[in-house]
Amino acid sequence: MKADKTRRILAIVALVFMAIFTVTFIIVLVSPDILNGAVGYIALISALMGAGFFIVVKFVLKDKEPPEYLPGDESGDEADDTDASEKDGGNSDSGRNETPGDNDGVS
């Protein structure tokens, strides 16, 4: 519960920094000489901070899930070693020989 709240707060902070980046980047594109170029540095710093918080939320604070290869599901759904042609009794259409003129869609 606490980690979920932390993730949500950091995601909102990342969105705020990306909004600041959007506004300052547009200002830099319109007039790069405002405040003697300081707006460009603000845009750069806010972009890095927003991307950094996003990476933290996405990769560092992710949900802890057990790997799929560990046994834990007792439902009996195990992978079968047979391929598709053995499952349907060898009657698959993928191995059918066709002549080039038989592409009319009628079987």
Protein backbone atom coordinates (compact mmCIF):
# COMPACT_ATOMS: atom_id res chain seq x y z
CA MET A 1 0.00 0.00 0.00
CA LYS A 2 2.79 2.41 0.92
CA ALA A 3 4.78 1.59 -2.25
CA ASP A 4 1.70 2.18 -4.39
CA LYS A 5 1.20 5.61 -2.83
CA THR A 6 4.88 6.44 -3.38
CA ARG A 7 4.65 5.37 -7.02
CA ARG A 8 1.59 7.55 -7.56
CA ILE A 9 3.22 10.61 -5.96
CA LEU A 10 6.41 10.19 -8.00
CA ALA A 11 4.39 9.72 -11.18
CA ILE A 12 2.55 12.99 -10.53
CA VAL A 13 5.86 14.77 -9.84
CA ALA A 14 7.24 13.36 -13.12
CA LEU A 15 4.18 14.68 -14.97
CA VAL A 16 4.65 18.12 -13.43
CA PHE A 17 8.28 18.21 -14.53
CA MET A 18 7.31 17.14 -18.03
CA ALA A 19 4.66 19.88 -18.16
CA ILE A 20 7.29 22.42 -17.09
CA PHE A 21 9.58 21.04 -19.79
CA THR A 22 6.87 21.39 -22.43
CA VAL A 23 6.20 25.03 -21.57
CA THR A 24 9.86 26.02 -21.30
CA PHE A 25 10.79 24.17 -24.48
CA ILE A 26 8.12 26.02 -26.43
CA ILE A 27 9.40 29.29 -24.98
CA VAL A 28 12.94 28.38 -26.06
CA LEU A 29 11.73 27.57 -29.57
CA VAL A 30 9.88 30.89 -29.83
CA SER A 31 12.57 33.13 -28.35
CA PRO A 32 15.79 31.53 -27.11
CA ASP A 33 17.18 34.79 -25.72
CA ILE A 34 14.65 35.22 -22.90
CA LEU A 35 16.48 35.62 -19.57
CA ASN A 36 19.79 35.36 -21.42
CA GLY A 37 19.24 31.69 -22.29
CA ALA A 38 18.35 30.53 -18.78
CA VAL A 39 15.00 29.17 -19.98
CA GLY A 40 16.90 26.64 -22.09
CA TYR A 41 18.66 25.36 -19.00
CA ILE A 42 15.36 25.18 -17.14
CA ALA A 43 13.94 23.12 -20.01
CA LEU A 44 16.93 20.78 -19.97
CA ILE A 45 16.85 20.28 -16.20
CA SER A 46 13.10 19.74 -16.08
CA ALA A 47 13.28 17.19 -18.93
CA LEU A 48 16.02 15.25 -17.15
CA MET A 49 14.16 15.35 -13.83
CA GLY A 50 10.87 14.23 -15.42
CA ALA A 51 12.53 11.39 -17.32
CA GLY A 52 14.47 10.39 -14.21
CA PHE A 53 11.36 10.19 -12.05
CA PHE A 54 9.61 8.21 -14.78
CA ILE A 55 12.46 5.69 -14.89
CA VAL A 56 12.37 5.37 -11.11
CA VAL A 57 8.62 4.74 -11.13
CA LYS A 58 8.73 2.36 -14.10
CA PHE A 59 11.77 0.24 -13.30
CA VAL A 60 12.87 0.72 -9.69
CA LEU A 61 9.51 0.82 -7.88
CA LYS A 62 7.83 -1.91 -9.95
CA ASP A 63 5.58 -4.53 -8.39
CA LYS A 64 7.37 -7.57 -7.00
CA GLU A 65 6.04 -10.54 -8.94
CA PRO A 66 7.51 -14.01 -8.82
CA PRO A 67 9.11 -15.17 -12.07
CA GLU A 68 6.92 -17.24 -14.37
CA TYR A 69 9.27 -20.21 -14.37
CA LEU A 70 8.80 -20.91 -10.65
CA PRO A 71 6.21 -23.52 -9.76
CA GLY A 72 3.36 -22.06 -7.80
CA ASP A 73 0.32 -22.58 -9.94
CA GLU A 74 -1.26 -25.88 -8.96
CA SER A 75 -3.97 -25.76 -11.62
CA GLY A 76 -2.24 -28.43 -13.72
CA ASP A 77 -1.78 -26.24 -16.79
CA GLU A 78 1.60 -27.49 -17.97
CA ALA A 79 3.09 -26.89 -21.38
CA ASP A 80 2.57 -29.77 -23.79
CA ASP A 81 5.54 -30.97 -25.83
CA THR A 82 3.46 -31.74 -28.93
CA ASP A 83 3.37 -29.37 -31.86
CA ALA A 84 0.28 -28.05 -33.64
CA SER A 85 0.09 -30.85 -36.22
CA GLU A 86 0.05 -33.53 -33.52
CA LYS A 87 -2.63 -31.72 -31.51
CA ASP A 88 -5.18 -31.69 -34.31
CA GLY A 89 -4.42 -35.21 -35.49
CA GLY A 90 -2.17 -34.20 -38.37
CA ASN A 91 -4.96 -32.46 -40.29
CA SER A 92 -3.49 -28.98 -40.35
CA ASP A 93 -3.75 -26.87 -43.47
CA SER A 94 -0.26 -25.43 -43.11
CA GLY A 95 1.40 -28.38 -44.87
CA ARG A 96 -1.03 -28.46 -47.79
CA ASN A 97 0.47 -28.38 -51.27
CA GLU A 98 -1.22 -25.86 -53.54
CA THR A 99 -0.67 -24.93 -57.11
CA PRO A 100 -0.30 -21.20 -57.90
CA GLY A 101 -3.74 -21.03 -59.52
CA ASP A 102 -5.63 -22.42 -56.50
CA ASN A 103 -5.82 -19.14 -54.55
CA ASP A 104 -9.56 -18.66 -55.01
CA GLY A 105 -10.28 -19.35 -51.31
CA VAL A 106 -12.39 -22.47 -51.93
CA SER A 107 -11.23 -25.59 -50.10
